[in-house]
Amino acid sequence: MKNFWLSVLMVVAVGAVSFAAFYALNDAPEIRRAAREHDAMAWLRVEFKLDETQFAAIKRLHDDYGKVCEQHCNAILRARRQKAPPAEIAALEQVCVGSMTEHFRQVAALMPAGQGERYLAIVLPRVSDYSHQGAPNLQVQP
């Protein structure tokens, strides 16, 4: 019985040390902080392992696209408020989706090899059924 409890204690200790090492050595703390602070750019930098040059280029692209995105959102919201015909709203939404898709492809092109494809696999499915009710994000849409 004495060896049993010693063995249990050793297994628990090894498990705790393994968990602590894994936790300390991966990017999870930074990703959790970015999520808690709703900082999409910090998440992007950590999740896709961007170096400073890549991150700066993507941040510039993101900041520039923000103005374009705002114009698209305003046009869609204005059309909805004015009760524009559904075809007109759908056309504005399609312009928005096309623009977002192109922006995401430009971002992916600036990422390290392999990371761009993974990024597109995450963001492109969210564009196709985008609700145009605010800025896109990675949370599940209702």
Protein backbone atom coordinates (compact mmCIF):
# COMPACT_ATOMS: atom_id res chain seq x y z
CA MET A 1 0.00 0.00 0.00
CA LYS A 2 2.93 2.29 0.75
CA ASN A 3 4.23 1.96 -2.82
CA PHE A 4 0.76 2.59 -4.23
CA TRP A 5 0.49 6.03 -2.60
CA LEU A 6 4.06 6.87 -3.55
CA SER A 7 3.27 5.89 -7.14
CA VAL A 8 0.08 8.01 -7.14
CA LEU A 9 2.01 10.96 -5.73
CA MET A 10 4.70 10.57 -8.40
CA VAL A 11 2.15 10.38 -11.22
CA VAL A 12 0.38 13.50 -9.95
CA ALA A 13 3.69 15.37 -9.58
CA VAL A 14 4.87 14.40 -13.07
CA GLY A 15 1.48 15.40 -14.50
CA ALA A 16 1.58 18.78 -12.76
CA VAL A 17 5.13 19.49 -13.94
CA SER A 18 4.23 18.42 -17.50
CA PHE A 19 1.16 20.64 -17.53
CA ALA A 20 3.11 23.62 -16.14
CA ALA A 21 5.85 23.18 -18.76
CA PHE A 22 3.33 22.87 -21.60
CA TYR A 23 1.42 25.92 -20.36
CA ALA A 24 4.59 28.01 -20.03
CA LEU A 25 6.07 26.99 -23.37
CA ASN A 26 3.11 27.49 -25.69
CA ASP A 27 1.36 30.63 -26.90
CA ALA A 28 -1.88 29.98 -25.02
CA PRO A 29 -1.43 32.76 -22.42
CA GLU A 30 -0.96 35.36 -25.16
CA ILE A 31 -3.91 34.03 -27.13
CA ARG A 32 -6.13 34.05 -24.04
CA ARG A 33 -5.08 37.62 -23.24
CA ALA A 34 -5.84 38.72 -26.81
CA ALA A 35 -9.26 37.04 -26.65
CA ARG A 36 -10.05 38.55 -23.25
CA GLU A 37 -9.14 42.01 -24.53
CA HIS A 38 -10.88 41.44 -27.90
CA ASP A 39 -7.57 42.24 -29.61
CA ALA A 40 -7.84 40.56 -33.00
CA MET A 41 -4.47 41.84 -34.15
CA ALA A 42 -2.65 40.39 -31.13
CA TRP A 43 -4.44 37.09 -31.74
CA LEU A 44 -3.38 37.18 -35.40
CA ARG A 45 0.27 37.87 -34.50
CA VAL A 46 0.47 34.99 -32.01
CA GLU A 47 -1.76 32.43 -33.71
CA PHE A 48 -0.04 32.70 -37.11
CA LYS A 49 3.48 33.25 -35.76
CA LEU A 50 4.06 36.55 -37.50
CA ASP A 51 7.43 38.24 -37.23
CA GLU A 52 7.54 42.00 -36.67
CA THR A 53 7.87 42.82 -40.39
CA GLN A 54 4.93 40.62 -41.36
CA PHE A 55 2.83 41.92 -38.48
CA ALA A 56 3.56 45.57 -39.37
CA ALA A 57 2.63 44.98 -43.03
CA ILE A 58 -0.59 43.18 -42.08
CA LYS A 59 -1.47 45.87 -39.53
CA ARG A 60 -1.04 48.57 -42.21
CA LEU A 61 -3.22 46.57 -44.59
CA HIS A 62 -5.81 46.07 -41.84
CA ASP A 63 -5.86 49.76 -40.92
CA ASP A 64 -6.23 50.81 -44.56
CA TYR A 65 -8.99 48.25 -45.13
CA GLY A 66 -10.85 49.53 -42.07
CA LYS A 67 -11.78 52.67 -44.03
CA VAL A 68 -13.07 50.61 -46.96
CA CYS A 69 -15.01 48.31 -44.62
CA GLU A 70 -16.59 51.30 -42.90
CA GLN A 71 -17.75 52.66 -46.27
CA HIS A 72 -19.33 49.31 -47.16
CA CYS A 73 -21.04 48.99 -43.78
CA ASN A 74 -22.38 52.53 -43.98
CA ALA A 75 -23.76 51.94 -47.48
CA ILE A 76 -25.49 48.71 -46.38
CA LEU A 77 -26.92 50.28 -43.22
CA ARG A 78 -28.09 53.35 -45.14
CA ALA A 79 -29.81 51.15 -47.74
CA ARG A 80 -31.52 49.15 -45.00
CA ARG A 81 -32.67 52.29 -43.18
CA GLN A 82 -34.07 53.71 -46.40
CA LYS A 83 -35.82 50.39 -47.09
CA ALA A 84 -34.01 49.96 -50.41
CA PRO A 85 -35.11 47.08 -52.64
CA PRO A 86 -33.72 43.72 -51.50
CA ALA A 87 -31.75 43.35 -54.73
CA GLU A 88 -29.93 46.63 -54.05
CA ILE A 89 -29.06 45.57 -50.50
CA ALA A 90 -27.93 42.16 -51.73
CA ALA A 91 -25.68 43.82 -54.32
CA LEU A 92 -24.10 46.04 -51.64
CA GLU A 93 -23.59 42.99 -49.41
CA GLN A 94 -21.97 41.12 -52.29
CA VAL A 95 -19.54 44.00 -52.88
CA CYS A 96 -18.71 43.86 -49.17
CA VAL A 97 -18.13 40.09 -49.21
CA GLY A 98 -15.97 40.33 -52.33
CA SER A 99 -13.93 43.11 -50.80
CA MET A 100 -13.46 41.23 -47.51
CA THR A 101 -12.46 38.07 -49.37
CA GLU A 102 -9.84 39.97 -51.35
CA HIS A 103 -8.56 41.66 -48.18
CA PHE A 104 -8.24 38.32 -46.38
CA ARG A 105 -6.35 36.87 -49.35
CA GLN A 106 -3.95 39.84 -49.25
CA VAL A 107 -3.41 39.28 -45.52
CA ALA A 108 -2.79 35.56 -46.09
CA ALA A 109 -0.21 36.35 -48.77
CA LEU A 110 1.85 38.26 -46.18
CA MET A 111 1.92 35.33 -43.73
CA PRO A 112 4.56 32.60 -43.43
CA ALA A 113 4.23 29.61 -45.72
CA GLY A 114 1.39 27.36 -44.61
CA GLN A 115 -0.02 29.88 -42.15
CA GLY A 116 -1.85 31.82 -44.87
CA GLU A 117 -3.81 28.75 -45.95
CA ARG A 118 -4.72 28.01 -42.33
CA TYR A 119 -5.84 31.63 -41.87
CA LEU A 120 -8.04 31.47 -44.97
CA ALA A 121 -9.55 28.19 -43.78
CA ILE A 122 -10.63 30.00 -40.60
CA VAL A 123 -11.88 33.31 -42.01
CA LEU A 124 -13.32 32.56 -45.45
CA PRO A 125 -16.20 30.35 -44.22
CA ARG A 126 -17.28 33.24 -41.99
CA VAL A 127 -17.45 35.61 -44.94
CA SER A 128 -19.92 33.56 -46.96
CA ASP A 129 -22.65 33.81 -44.32
CA TYR A 130 -21.66 37.17 -42.88
CA SER A 131 -24.64 39.03 -41.40
CA HIS A 132 -23.38 42.61 -42.06
CA GLN A 133 -24.44 43.58 -38.53
CA GLY A 134 -21.03 44.88 -37.42
CA ALA A 135 -17.35 44.21 -37.81
CA PRO A 136 -16.49 40.59 -38.63
CA ASN A 137 -15.05 38.50 -35.81
CA LEU A 138 -14.16 34.92 -35.06
CA GLN A 139 -17.01 34.27 -32.66
CA VAL A 140 -19.80 31.96 -33.72
CA GLN A 141 -22.61 33.93 -35.33
CA PRO A 142 -26.20 33.04 -34.35
